Protein backbone atom coordinates (compact mmCIF):
# COMPACT_ATOMS: atom_id res chain seq x y z
CA MET A 1 -0.11 -0.02 0.09
CA ASP A 2 1.29 3.47 -0.82
CA SER A 3 1.94 5.39 2.46
CA ARG A 4 2.83 8.77 0.69
CA VAL A 5 0.76 11.88 -0.16
CA PRO A 6 0.24 12.32 -3.94
CA GLY A 7 2.50 15.19 -5.21
CA LEU A 8 4.28 15.04 -1.91
CA PRO A 9 6.24 11.92 -1.61
CA ASP A 10 8.37 12.70 1.41
CA VAL A 11 5.44 13.50 3.60
CA VAL A 12 4.31 10.46 5.62
CA PRO A 13 0.82 10.13 6.87
CA GLY A 14 0.67 9.51 10.40
CA THR A 15 3.39 12.47 11.08
CA CYS A 16 3.00 15.77 13.04
CA TYR A 17 5.34 18.27 11.97
CA VAL A 18 6.21 21.21 14.22
CA VAL A 19 7.42 24.39 12.39
CA ARG A 20 9.53 26.99 13.84
CA GLU A 21 8.26 30.21 12.19
CA SER A 22 6.88 33.54 13.36
CA GLY A 23 5.45 34.76 10.02
CA ARG A 24 3.38 31.36 9.22
CA ARG A 25 4.21 31.81 5.17
CA PHE A 26 5.79 28.33 4.76
CA THR A 27 3.31 26.75 7.19
CA TYR A 28 0.30 27.91 5.17
CA GLU A 29 1.99 26.87 1.82
CA PHE A 30 2.72 23.55 3.27
CA PHE A 31 -1.13 23.10 4.32
CA LYS A 32 -2.24 24.35 0.97
CA ARG A 33 0.12 21.65 -0.70
CA LEU A 34 -1.58 19.17 1.41
CA TYR A 35 -5.11 20.27 0.84
CA SER A 36 -4.61 20.44 -2.90
CA ALA A 37 -3.42 16.83 -2.75
CA ARG A 38 -7.21 16.25 -2.02
CA MET A 39 -6.77 15.60 1.63
CA VAL A 40 -9.59 16.78 4.17
CA GLY A 41 -8.42 19.99 5.86
CA LEU A 42 -9.01 21.56 9.24
CA VAL A 43 -7.37 24.95 10.49
CA VAL A 44 -7.45 25.89 14.13
CA THR A 45 -6.59 29.73 14.30
CA ARG A 46 -7.05 33.09 15.62
CA LYS A 47 -7.68 34.41 12.31
CA VAL A 48 -11.09 35.24 11.06
CA PRO A 49 -12.59 32.34 9.22
CA ALA A 50 -13.76 34.25 6.24
CA ARG A 51 -10.42 36.60 5.96
CA LEU A 52 -8.25 33.53 6.19
CA ARG A 53 -10.13 31.50 3.62
CA LYS A 54 -9.79 34.34 1.23
CA GLU A 55 -6.11 34.83 1.84
CA LEU A 56 -5.53 31.06 1.28
CA GLY A 57 -7.72 31.06 -1.64
CA LEU A 58 -9.80 28.04 -0.18
CA PRO A 59 -13.12 29.04 -0.07
CA ASP A 60 -14.54 25.60 1.46
CA VAL A 61 -11.77 24.66 3.98
CA GLU A 62 -12.87 24.06 7.48
CA VAL A 63 -11.72 26.67 10.26
CA LEU A 64 -12.16 26.45 13.74
CA TRP A 65 -11.89 30.16 15.27
CA LEU A 66 -9.97 30.43 18.63
CA ARG A 67 -11.89 33.67 19.18
CA ALA A 68 -11.43 33.21 23.38
CA PRO A 69 -9.52 31.21 25.59
CA ALA A 70 -10.20 27.51 24.76
CA GLU A 71 -10.94 24.72 27.09
CA LEU A 72 -8.33 21.94 25.99
CA HIS A 73 -10.41 19.00 26.51
CA SER A 74 -13.36 20.57 24.53
CA LEU A 75 -10.92 21.66 21.82
CA GLU A 76 -9.27 17.89 21.56
CA ARG A 77 -12.89 16.47 21.33
CA THR A 78 -13.88 18.78 18.69
CA ILE A 79 -10.69 18.02 16.52
CA ARG A 80 -10.72 14.31 17.08
CA GLY A 81 -14.60 14.32 16.00
CA PHE A 82 -13.66 16.21 12.84
CA ILE A 83 -11.03 13.79 11.79
CA ALA A 84 -13.14 10.66 12.91
CA SER A 85 -16.10 11.71 10.86
CA ARG A 86 -14.08 12.75 7.81
CA GLY A 87 -11.19 10.60 7.89
CA PRO A 88 -7.48 11.24 7.52
CA ALA A 89 -7.04 14.90 7.59
CA ALA A 90 -4.48 17.68 7.43
CA LEU A 91 -4.66 19.43 10.66
CA LEU A 92 -3.13 22.93 11.21
CA LEU A 93 -2.98 23.99 14.60
CA ASP A 94 -2.13 27.63 14.55
CA GLY A 95 -2.42 29.05 18.13
CA VAL A 96 -0.16 26.86 20.45
CA GLU A 97 1.26 30.23 21.80
CA PHE A 98 -2.29 31.47 22.44
CA LEU A 99 -3.14 28.06 23.99
CA SER A 100 -0.11 28.12 26.05
CA ALA A 101 -0.60 31.87 27.34
CA ASN A 102 -4.21 30.76 28.67
CA ASN A 103 -3.61 27.17 29.86
CA GLY A 104 0.00 26.90 30.65
CA PHE A 105 2.77 25.25 28.42
CA PRO A 106 2.83 21.76 30.31
CA ARG A 107 -1.06 21.51 29.64
CA THR A 108 -0.82 22.82 26.22
CA LEU A 109 2.00 20.31 25.64
CA THR A 110 -0.02 17.31 26.80
CA PHE A 111 -2.65 18.60 24.56
CA VAL A 112 -0.50 18.63 21.57
CA GLN A 113 0.99 14.96 22.53
CA HIS A 114 -2.75 13.63 22.54
CA LEU A 115 -3.15 15.16 19.02
CA VAL A 116 0.13 13.77 17.85
CA GLU A 117 -0.87 10.19 18.99
CA PHE A 118 -4.27 10.57 17.30
CA ILE A 119 -2.60 11.76 14.02
CA LEU A 120 -0.52 8.65 14.07
CA GLN A 121 -3.65 6.45 14.66
CA THR A 122 -5.66 8.00 11.95
CA ARG A 123 -2.94 8.38 9.55
CA SER A 124 -3.45 12.27 9.26
CA ILE A 125 -1.02 14.94 9.04
CA GLY A 126 -0.24 17.69 11.52
CA ILE A 127 1.36 21.10 11.11
CA VAL A 128 2.17 22.91 14.50
CA PRO A 129 3.64 26.29 13.83
CA ALA A 130 5.60 27.64 16.83
CA SER A 131 7.10 31.37 16.93
CA PRO A 132 10.47 31.38 18.61
CA GLY A 133 9.98 34.95 19.89
CA THR A 134 6.91 33.79 21.87
CA LEU A 135 7.72 30.28 23.40
CA GLU A 136 10.93 29.83 25.27
CA GLU A 137 13.75 27.71 23.55
CA GLU A 138 13.04 24.50 26.05
CA GLU A 139 9.24 25.01 25.18
CA LEU A 140 10.19 24.64 21.49
CA LEU A 141 12.25 21.75 22.12
CA GLN A 142 9.92 19.90 23.97
CA LEU A 143 7.47 20.23 21.23
CA GLU A 144 10.05 18.97 18.78
CA ARG A 145 10.83 15.89 20.81
CA ILE A 146 6.95 14.82 20.66
CA SER A 147 6.97 15.17 16.83
CA VAL A 148 8.93 15.98 13.66
CA PRO A 149 10.80 19.10 13.55
CA LEU A 150 10.41 21.34 10.46
CA GLY A 151 11.24 24.80 9.56
CA LEU A 152 13.50 27.88 9.36
CA ARG A 153 16.15 29.26 12.16
CA ASP A 154 17.98 32.07 11.04
CA HIS A 155 17.27 31.65 7.55
CA VAL A 156 18.80 28.00 7.28
CA VAL A 157 16.41 25.09 6.86
CA VAL A 158 16.40 22.84 9.99
CA LEU A 159 15.43 19.27 9.28
CA PRO A 160 16.46 15.97 10.74
CA GLN A 161 18.93 14.98 8.23
CA ASN A 162 22.21 16.18 6.50
CA LEU A 163 22.62 19.22 4.22
CA ILE A 164 21.64 18.24 0.76
CA VAL A 165 21.41 21.31 -1.22
CA ARG A 166 23.66 24.52 -1.28
CA LEU A 167 21.93 27.57 -2.96
CA LEU A 168 24.59 30.10 -4.59
CA PRO A 169 23.12 33.42 -5.87
CA LYS A 170 24.92 34.53 -8.95
CA THR A 171 24.28 38.05 -8.50
CA PRO A 172 22.60 40.16 -5.64
CA THR A 173 19.39 40.25 -7.38
CA ALA A 174 19.17 36.52 -7.19
CA VAL A 175 18.91 36.22 -3.50
CA ALA A 176 15.09 36.36 -3.67
CA GLY A 177 15.08 33.70 -6.33
CA CYS A 178 17.26 31.46 -3.69
CA ASP A 179 14.67 32.17 -1.19
CA GLU A 180 11.69 30.83 -3.47
CA ILE A 181 13.63 27.90 -4.46
CA ARG A 182 14.71 26.72 -1.15
CA ASP A 183 11.12 26.93 -0.12
CA LEU A 184 10.09 25.00 -3.14
CA LEU A 185 12.46 22.33 -2.37
CA LEU A 186 11.24 22.25 1.25
CA LEU A 187 7.75 21.86 0.04
CA SER A 188 8.36 19.30 -2.51
CA THR A 189 10.93 17.21 -0.81
CA LEU A 190 11.54 18.07 2.63
CA VAL A 191 15.26 18.36 2.08
CA THR A 192 17.64 20.53 4.04
CA ALA A 193 18.83 23.28 1.98
CA ASP A 194 20.88 26.87 2.72
CA ILE A 195 21.90 29.75 0.86
CA ASP A 196 25.49 31.03 0.67
CA LEU A 197 25.44 34.79 1.24
CA SER A 198 29.21 35.48 1.79
CA VAL A 199 30.99 37.90 -0.20
CA ARG A 200 33.45 35.54 -1.76
CA ARG A 201 33.42 34.67 -5.64
CA LEU A 202 31.15 32.52 -7.05
CA GLU A 203 34.08 29.88 -7.70
CA GLU A 204 35.28 29.93 -4.18
CA LYS A 205 31.88 29.26 -2.96
CA VAL A 206 31.56 26.33 -5.41
CA ARG A 207 34.85 24.70 -4.33
CA GLN A 208 33.72 25.16 -0.50
CA ALA A 209 30.48 23.34 -1.03
CA GLN A 210 32.42 20.62 -2.89
CA ARG A 211 34.81 20.33 0.09
CA GLU A 212 31.85 19.95 2.41
CA ARG A 213 30.53 17.31 -0.22
CA ILE A 214 27.01 18.94 -0.57
CA PRO A 215 25.49 16.63 -3.31
CA PHE A 216 23.71 19.44 -5.12
CA ILE A 217 25.09 23.09 -5.67
CA VAL A 218 22.72 25.07 -7.19
CA ILE A 219 23.67 28.05 -9.00
CA VAL A 220 20.84 30.75 -9.18
CA PRO A 221 20.97 33.43 -11.86
CA GLY A 222 19.41 36.98 -11.26
CA GLY A 223 16.35 38.17 -13.19
CA ARG A 224 13.10 36.50 -12.75
CA ASN A 225 12.03 35.52 -9.43
CA PRO A 226 12.57 32.51 -9.07
CA SER A 227 14.40 31.74 -12.40
CA PRO A 228 12.66 28.62 -14.36
CA VAL A 229 16.18 27.23 -15.06
CA VAL A 230 19.29 26.70 -12.91
CA ASP A 231 22.73 25.37 -13.04
CA VAL A 232 23.21 22.33 -11.04
CA ILE A 233 26.80 20.78 -9.89
CA MET A 234 25.86 17.40 -8.75
CA TRP A 235 27.80 15.12 -6.43
CA THR A 236 29.18 13.17 -9.46
CA GLY A 237 30.97 16.32 -10.60
CA ARG A 238 28.61 16.72 -13.69
CA GLU A 239 27.01 20.07 -14.21
CA GLU A 240 23.85 20.39 -15.84
CA SER A 241 21.16 23.06 -16.34
CA MET A 242 17.66 22.04 -15.55
CA SER A 243 14.21 23.22 -14.45
CA LEU A 244 13.09 23.55 -10.76
CA SER A 245 10.90 20.63 -11.13
CA THR A 246 13.61 18.48 -12.77
CA LEU A 247 15.90 19.58 -9.73
CA SER A 248 13.34 18.39 -7.25
CA ASP A 249 12.85 15.10 -8.98
CA HIS A 250 16.62 14.38 -8.77
CA VAL A 251 16.89 15.56 -5.08
CA ALA A 252 14.05 13.49 -4.14
CA ARG A 253 15.58 10.38 -5.95
CA TRP A 254 18.87 10.95 -4.36
CA ARG A 255 17.63 11.21 -0.84
CA ARG A 256 15.51 8.09 -1.08
CA SER A 257 18.62 6.20 -2.45
CA ALA A 258 20.68 7.67 0.45
CA ARG A 259 18.48 6.24 3.10
């Protein structure tokens, strides 16, 4: 039986991902990808439902509005009831900081732990964004211990595996394109990627990445954001120009073969 999500081959049903992110950009893009893969979706949020549906472009998505301090047992029953009645779902719990402020972090951690166990049992997928500026580092670490950490720290993707892709902007205008490509790779393959923003010459950056034995060194041109074609130096030493979708395919295959 295929245990992967269509279009997201490295996303595993039965998993809850904790995302270190304040702005929520990646979090909601991740959720939209799951929803577009024909998963039932539920968003628990402090945002006004009608406004959120419009922002996401998902007029039919189910939204549970945290208008006031929530009683955790009641909230858990509501979430469990939704998933039990609709089948495996993508659950976005956007509000763990609010719940912690009103119920205390230990009780909120227990609440999330119960959801993690239920997500595993029902082969659903959970996304729990957490703001580093609001929660303490030890609280973030405790959330990550009961789930799978996924997110950005100081503009470097942090995942439970080694660095796979190094993005090298060819010009200063290519930095924004690198950001977009990094997010695309994270969404499509869940790989670890970073961006070399040092002032060294491009040739020196390439040599450094090769010394670090990074499998994919991606040289990103300036201009369109992101560029539809990039130059890739692979672990074999071969250099090839390819589309972003082809790059994602190569990275996903390499990652599976390296397991």
